[in-house]
Protein backbone atom coordinates (compact mmCIF):
# COMPACT_ATOMS: atom_id res chain seq x y z
CA MET A 1 23.77 82.22 17.05
CA ALA A 2 20.58 83.69 17.86
CA GLU A 3 18.40 80.32 18.00
CA GLN A 4 20.67 79.10 20.98
CA ASP A 5 18.77 80.91 23.58
CA HIS A 6 15.74 79.41 22.47
CA LEU A 7 17.39 75.62 22.27
CA PHE A 8 19.38 75.51 25.39
CA MET A 9 20.70 77.62 28.55
CA GLN A 10 23.89 77.39 30.59
CA LEU A 11 23.89 75.83 33.77
CA SER A 12 25.52 77.87 36.51
CA PRO A 13 29.23 76.89 37.44
CA ALA A 14 28.18 75.08 40.80
CA ALA A 15 25.45 73.32 39.05
CA GLN A 16 28.53 71.92 36.32
CA THR A 17 30.69 72.02 39.23
CA ASN A 18 28.45 69.15 41.73
CA PHE A 19 27.38 67.18 38.50
CA ALA A 20 30.93 66.41 37.66
CA GLU A 21 31.49 65.43 41.36
CA LEU A 22 27.88 63.36 41.17
CA PHE A 23 29.31 61.69 37.99
CA GLU A 24 32.69 60.51 39.79
CA GLN A 25 30.83 60.00 42.82
CA VAL A 26 28.24 57.46 41.50
CA ARG A 27 30.79 55.87 39.05
CA ALA A 28 32.78 55.28 42.01
CA ALA A 29 30.29 53.58 43.70
CA ALA A 30 29.29 51.25 40.74
CA LEU A 31 32.96 50.34 40.11
CA ALA A 32 33.21 49.55 43.91
CA ARG A 33 29.88 47.22 43.15
CA SER A 34 31.45 45.63 40.16
CA VAL A 35 34.38 44.38 41.90
CA ARG A 36 34.03 44.21 45.48
CA ASP A 37 34.81 40.72 46.86
CA LEU A 38 35.43 38.97 43.11
CA PRO A 39 39.19 38.15 42.37
CA GLY A 40 40.24 39.38 38.83
CA SER A 41 41.87 41.83 37.36
CA PHE A 42 41.22 45.12 34.85
CA ASN A 43 41.23 44.34 31.49
CA LYS A 44 41.38 46.66 28.40
CA LYS A 45 39.67 46.09 25.35
CA ILE A 46 40.42 47.50 21.54
CA VAL A 47 37.56 48.14 19.11
CA LYS A 48 37.89 50.32 16.35
CA GLY A 49 40.50 52.34 17.86
CA ARG A 50 39.01 52.53 20.64
CA GLU A 51 39.65 51.73 24.05
CA TYR A 52 37.12 49.57 26.97
CA TRP A 53 37.68 48.50 30.75
CA TYR A 54 35.85 45.27 32.15
CA TRP A 55 36.88 43.66 35.26
CA GLN A 56 37.88 39.75 34.50
CA VAL A 57 37.27 37.36 36.49
CA ARG A 58 37.22 33.17 36.25
CA ASP A 59 34.08 31.84 37.86
CA LEU A 60 33.79 28.52 39.25
CA GLN A 61 33.63 26.40 35.94
CA GLY A 62 36.97 27.76 34.86
CA VAL A 63 35.21 29.86 32.15
CA ASN A 64 36.90 33.37 32.27
CA ARG A 65 33.82 36.58 32.90
CA GLN A 66 33.88 39.98 32.32
CA VAL A 67 32.21 43.19 33.82
CA TYR A 68 31.95 45.94 31.52
CA LEU A 69 33.05 49.38 33.49
CA GLY A 70 33.20 51.71 30.83
CA PRO A 71 35.32 53.42 27.86
CA ASP A 72 38.68 54.34 28.75
CA ASP A 73 38.52 58.34 29.88
CA GLU A 74 40.67 59.98 32.15
CA ARG A 75 38.38 59.46 35.30
CA LEU A 76 37.96 56.10 34.96
CA ALA A 77 41.14 55.45 34.82
CA LYS A 78 41.77 57.44 38.05
CA LEU A 79 38.85 55.32 39.40
CA ILE A 80 41.10 52.21 38.14
CA GLU A 81 44.42 53.49 40.01
CA LEU A 82 42.65 54.67 43.06
CA HIS A 83 41.02 51.23 43.36
CA SER A 84 44.49 49.42 42.87
CA GLN A 85 45.91 51.61 45.55
CA GLY A 86 42.75 50.64 47.88
CA LYS A 87 41.66 54.20 48.21
CA PRO A 88 38.17 53.97 46.56
CA GLU A 89 36.61 57.81 47.08
CA MET A 90 32.93 57.32 48.23
CA ALA A 91 30.60 60.27 49.10
CA SER A 92 28.87 59.63 52.16
CA ASP A 93 25.34 60.85 51.11
CA LEU A 94 24.80 60.63 47.21
CA GLY A 95 21.25 61.26 47.65
CA ALA A 96 21.98 64.89 48.82
CA LEU A 97 24.48 65.18 46.08
CA VAL A 98 21.84 64.58 43.66
CA SER A 99 19.39 66.70 45.46
CA ALA A 100 21.62 70.00 45.09
CA CYS A 101 22.04 68.90 41.37
CA VAL A 102 18.53 68.99 40.61
CA SER A 103 18.52 72.46 43.06
CA LEU A 104 21.00 74.04 40.82
CA GLY A 105 18.93 73.32 37.65
CA CYS A 106 20.51 70.10 36.71
CA MET A 107 17.63 67.77 34.16
CA GLY A 108 16.05 64.84 35.82
CA VAL A 109 13.72 62.15 34.85
CA ILE A 110 10.34 61.28 36.65
CA PRO A 111 10.54 58.70 39.14
CA GLN A 112 8.52 56.41 37.18
CA HIS A 113 10.81 56.29 34.33
CA PHE A 114 13.47 56.14 36.63
CA ALA A 115 12.64 53.35 38.21
CA VAL A 116 12.50 51.16 35.08
CA ILE A 117 15.74 52.28 33.85
CA ASN A 118 17.17 51.78 37.55
CA ARG A 119 16.13 48.04 37.95
CA MET A 120 17.85 47.52 33.93
CA ALA A 121 20.76 48.69 35.52
CA GLU A 122 20.28 46.32 38.68
CA PHE A 123 19.89 43.67 36.36
CA GLY A 124 22.83 44.16 34.43
CA PHE A 125 21.40 45.51 31.33
CA PHE A 126 24.12 48.32 30.89
CA ARG A 127 26.77 46.02 31.71
CA ALA A 128 25.87 43.78 28.85
CA GLY A 129 26.49 46.53 26.52
CA GLY A 130 22.59 47.99 26.65
CA VAL A 131 22.56 51.83 25.99
CA LEU A 132 19.90 54.03 26.67
CA VAL A 133 18.53 55.88 23.67
CA GLY A 134 15.29 58.41 22.77
CA THR A 135 14.64 61.00 24.99
CA HIS A 136 15.81 59.71 28.27
CA ALA A 137 19.77 59.87 26.52
CA PHE A 138 18.84 63.30 25.18
CA ILE A 139 18.09 64.63 29.05
CA ALA A 140 20.78 62.95 30.28
CA MET A 141 23.25 64.63 27.84
CA SER A 142 21.84 67.87 28.95
CA ASN A 143 24.09 67.53 32.32
CA MET A 144 26.75 66.08 30.81
CA PHE A 145 27.30 69.10 28.59
CA GLY A 146 26.15 71.65 31.24
CA VAL A 147 22.99 73.02 29.90
CA ARG A 148 19.75 72.40 30.28
CA TRP A 149 17.33 71.71 27.07
CA ALA A 150 14.45 74.23 26.68
CA SER A 151 12.28 71.89 24.93
CA GLY A 152 12.73 67.79 23.25
CA TRP A 153 12.47 66.15 26.29
CA ARG A 154 8.95 65.12 27.28
CA THR A 155 8.02 61.47 26.74
CA SER A 156 5.89 58.64 27.78
CA ASP A 157 8.61 55.96 26.39
CA VAL A 158 11.38 54.31 27.66
CA ASP A 159 13.47 53.40 24.54
CA VAL A 160 17.09 51.07 25.19
CA ALA A 161 18.87 49.23 22.77
CA HIS A 162 21.32 46.61 22.27
CA ALA A 163 23.40 45.61 19.14
CA GLY A 164 22.68 42.19 19.50
CA LYS A 165 25.73 40.16 16.97
CA ASN A 166 24.81 42.64 14.32
CA VAL A 167 27.58 45.40 15.50
CA SER A 168 31.38 44.67 16.61
CA LEU A 169 31.22 46.32 20.09
CA ALA A 170 33.05 45.96 23.19
CA LEU A 171 30.78 43.70 24.42
CA ALA A 172 31.59 41.90 27.60
CA GLU A 173 31.86 38.05 27.17
CA GLY A 174 29.47 36.13 28.19
CA ALA A 175 27.40 39.06 29.28
CA LYS A 176 24.04 38.54 30.06
CA ALA A 177 20.77 40.05 31.78
CA ASP A 178 17.38 38.92 32.53
CA ILE A 179 15.70 42.33 31.29
CA HIS A 180 12.25 40.61 30.89
CA ASP A 181 12.42 40.01 34.74
CA ALA A 182 13.97 43.09 35.27
CA ILE A 183 10.75 45.09 33.82
CA THR A 184 7.87 42.72 34.91
CA SER A 185 9.56 42.73 38.54
CA LEU A 186 8.62 46.57 39.37
CA GLU A 187 4.71 45.35 39.68
CA MET A 188 3.94 48.44 37.46
CA GLY A 189 1.49 46.78 35.56
CA LEU A 190 4.36 46.42 32.31
CA LEU A 191 3.57 43.72 29.85
CA PRO A 192 4.83 42.37 26.47
CA GLN A 193 3.00 43.12 23.80
CA GLN A 194 1.56 40.09 21.89
CA SER A 195 1.35 38.98 18.24
CA LEU A 196 -0.21 35.98 17.03
CA THR A 197 2.81 35.26 14.18
CA ASP A 198 5.47 36.55 16.27
CA GLY A 199 4.72 35.47 19.78
CA THR A 200 6.23 38.24 22.45
CA GLY A 201 6.79 41.27 21.10
CA ALA A 202 9.72 43.77 21.84
CA THR A 203 7.28 46.68 23.30
CA TYR A 204 6.30 46.54 27.33
CA ILE A 205 3.03 48.76 28.21
CA THR A 206 0.64 49.49 30.80
CA ALA A 207 -2.79 48.63 30.38
CA LYS A 208 -3.51 52.46 30.53
CA LYS A 209 -0.82 53.17 27.85
CA ASP A 210 0.98 55.68 29.97
CA LEU A 211 4.31 53.79 29.89
CA ARG A 212 5.74 52.27 27.19
CA VAL A 213 9.50 50.64 26.98
CA ASP A 214 10.89 50.36 23.52
CA LEU A 215 13.59 47.39 23.07
CA LEU A 216 15.58 48.09 19.94
CA THR A 217 18.47 46.89 18.02
CA VAL A 218 20.22 46.90 14.97
CA ALA A 219 18.61 46.02 11.49
CA GLY A 220 19.88 43.01 9.51
CA ARG A 221 18.59 41.33 7.01
CA LYS A 222 15.52 40.96 8.30
CA ASP A 223 13.15 43.69 9.95
CA LYS A 224 10.99 41.34 12.32
CA VAL A 225 11.19 41.25 16.05
CA TYR A 226 13.62 38.25 17.12
CA ARG A 227 14.23 36.84 20.58
CA PHE A 228 17.76 37.59 21.86
CA GLU A 229 18.71 35.15 24.84
CA PRO A 230 21.33 36.47 26.36
CA LEU A 231 18.64 39.51 27.45
CA ASN A 232 15.62 37.20 27.52
CA VAL A 233 13.38 39.76 25.85
CA SER A 234 12.53 40.31 21.92
CA LEU A 235 14.12 43.05 20.14
CA GLN A 236 12.87 44.94 17.44
CA PRO A 237 15.17 46.19 14.86
CA LEU A 238 15.38 49.60 13.52
CA LYS A 239 17.19 50.97 10.95
CA PHE A 240 20.55 52.65 10.65
CA MET A 241 20.45 51.86 14.64
CA GLU A 242 24.22 51.01 14.68
CA PHE A 243 25.14 54.57 13.65
CA SER A 244 24.31 55.39 17.51
CA LEU A 245 25.72 52.02 19.16
CA GLU A 246 29.18 52.10 17.34
CA GLN A 247 30.56 54.19 19.82
CA THR A 248 28.94 54.94 23.27
CA THR A 249 29.65 56.99 26.44
CA GLN A 250 28.42 57.17 29.80
CA THR A 251 26.76 59.43 32.37
CA VAL A 252 24.70 59.67 35.16
CA LEU A 253 21.02 59.83 34.95
CA ILE A 254 19.42 61.48 38.06
CA SER A 255 15.89 61.36 39.18
CA ASN A 256 14.83 63.21 42.74
CA GLU A 257 17.48 61.64 45.15
CA GLN A 258 18.82 58.45 43.22
CA ALA A 259 21.21 58.17 40.02
CA VAL A 260 22.44 55.49 38.11
CA VAL A 261 25.45 55.14 35.42
CA VAL A 262 23.85 54.53 31.78
CA ASN A 263 25.50 54.37 28.45
CA ILE A 264 24.50 56.56 25.87
CA PRO A 265 25.37 57.10 22.32
CA ALA A 266 28.10 59.85 21.35
CA PRO A 267 25.83 62.98 21.55
CA MET A 268 26.63 64.22 17.75
CA ARG A 269 26.27 60.83 16.47
CA TYR A 270 22.84 60.30 18.16
CA ALA A 271 22.03 63.89 17.07
CA LEU A 272 22.74 62.67 12.89
CA HIS A 273 20.89 59.37 13.58
CA LYS A 274 17.57 61.12 14.24
CA LEU A 275 18.31 62.91 11.51
CA VAL A 276 18.33 60.04 8.80
CA ILE A 277 15.45 58.35 10.41
CA MET A 278 12.89 61.36 10.39
CA GLY A 279 11.79 60.34 7.08
CA GLU A 280 11.13 56.75 8.32
CA ARG A 281 8.53 57.59 10.88
CA GLU A 282 5.54 55.67 10.26
CA GLU A 283 2.50 58.00 9.82
CA SER A 284 1.38 57.58 13.18
CA PHE A 285 4.67 58.83 14.65
CA GLN A 286 4.63 61.77 12.99
CA VAL A 287 3.63 64.22 15.37
CA LYS A 288 7.20 63.44 16.88
CA ILE A 289 8.94 64.91 14.25
CA SER A 290 8.73 68.27 15.73
CA LYS A 291 10.61 66.57 19.04
CA ASP A 292 13.05 65.03 17.16
CA ALA A 293 13.77 68.16 14.94
CA GLY A 294 14.19 70.18 17.97
CA GLN A 295 16.38 67.60 19.79
CA VAL A 296 19.00 67.32 16.35
CA ALA A 297 19.13 71.49 16.41
CA ALA A 298 19.92 71.80 19.73
CA LEU A 299 22.55 68.95 19.89
CA VAL A 300 23.88 70.49 16.74
CA VAL A 301 24.17 74.15 17.83
CA TYR A 302 25.71 72.92 20.85
CA GLY A 303 28.22 70.79 18.46
CA LEU A 304 29.22 73.74 16.31
CA LEU A 305 30.06 76.04 19.62
CA ARG A 306 31.54 73.48 21.68
CA THR A 307 32.74 70.21 19.87
CA PRO A 308 33.13 71.04 16.23
CA SER A 309 35.49 68.63 15.57
CA ALA A 310 33.03 65.71 17.05
CA LEU A 311 30.25 66.75 14.78
CA ARG A 312 32.66 67.24 11.59
CA ALA A 313 33.96 63.80 12.06
CA ALA A 314 30.39 62.15 12.79
CA VAL A 315 29.13 63.63 9.72
CA LYS A 316 32.06 62.50 7.58
CA ASP A 317 31.18 58.73 8.93
CA LEU A 318 27.86 59.13 8.29
CA MET A 319 28.37 60.51 4.82
CA GLY A 320 30.64 57.68 3.78
CA ARG A 321 28.55 55.18 4.57
CA GLY A 322 26.82 55.27 1.18
CA PRO A 323 23.47 57.35 -1.30
CA GLY A 324 21.03 55.83 0.82
CA TRP A 325 22.46 57.53 4.17
CA ARG A 326 23.20 60.72 1.90
CA LYS A 327 19.86 60.84 0.90
CA ARG A 328 18.28 60.61 3.76
CA ALA A 329 20.29 62.54 5.99
CA VAL A 330 19.30 65.37 3.17
CA GLU A 331 15.60 64.50 3.73
CA GLY A 332 16.40 64.97 7.66
CA VAL A 333 17.55 68.22 6.62
CA GLU A 334 14.50 69.63 5.41
CA TYR A 335 12.18 67.98 8.46
CA VAL A 336 14.34 70.26 10.34
CA LYS A 337 14.31 73.49 8.06
CA ALA A 338 10.19 73.46 9.02
CA PHE A 339 11.23 74.34 12.31
CA HIS A 340 14.48 75.44 12.74
CA PRO A 341 15.45 76.89 9.67
CA GLU A 342 19.14 78.72 10.36
CA ILE A 343 20.22 75.36 12.04
CA ALA A 344 18.74 73.65 8.80
CA ARG A 345 21.36 75.95 6.85
CA GLN A 346 24.55 75.04 9.12
CA LEU A 347 23.22 71.43 8.79
CA GLN A 348 23.54 71.81 4.64
CA GLU A 349 26.75 73.30 4.95
CA LEU A 350 28.25 70.68 7.24
CA LEU A 351 26.57 67.67 5.16
CA ARG A 352 28.29 68.83 2.23
CA ALA A 353 31.64 69.59 3.38
CA GLY A 354 31.58 65.97 4.99
CA ALA A 355 30.29 64.18 1.21
CA PRO A 356 32.78 62.13 -0.06
């Protein structure tokens, strides 16, 4: 596949091994922080056939509270077992391990962006079901895959999303997070945009417009910004967003000597969501089409080479959602074709094969 070399490069075995170790150590640290000194128990939920883990505890008012730990997988199951045995595995210096990953070629985000995302994590955004989307999720996927993207990873935006109450997800009961305070407490000059008609907006931006934070959600019957009290912020509905939020996974985002566990969309679903919304871009955002097309192409190539079953399953799901979805997916392929014609051809074949 000739275009592969132009879209990503394979990280060395040493880089992949170090990142795998970092993922386990940071996740173990997050797990320990979540349940330390709290009486309670591990609790599993099944939503749409997928299993999710929580730490459940009864508060002083007798109400059950849950801390989201992540989707069930082999590594999390191992951490839960180790914790039950009183044997948490912790690295003595996570900063050194992060630095080693960066020096070996793993992709990180700039400190300014990491500070925003990390502060959201500290305020409980990801435990409350929040998901990192957009280019930072794309960056996080690279290390998870053991590759380094050639392009499509530069951005001045931090995009996060929450499904609100529009999608049936495995969210912790009563989960809350004060994201307004999380963002403004950084003292980076990030302020919510205001509207005379809608009040506080779903975008935080600096006076110099060099950093922007967008808070997104699933589009319902209305497409207007609305206040979501569990997060103490306003959310901007985005068409087709539910496709990225219905299944999520976890990985670690890194920057210099820091790392944080984040929820991100399943990579193949993220790619196809990008595909269907390309034509929905407002005119002022058309310049981002090239980057979107590059991200779709890189992920599709990776999917074809390494995770074909996951890619086919995502395509089948998308194509089974109705004519509006299929029409936009086909239109999206035309945008990809302008930059990556061979990959667009393979995408066309995948869409035809996945059509009902």
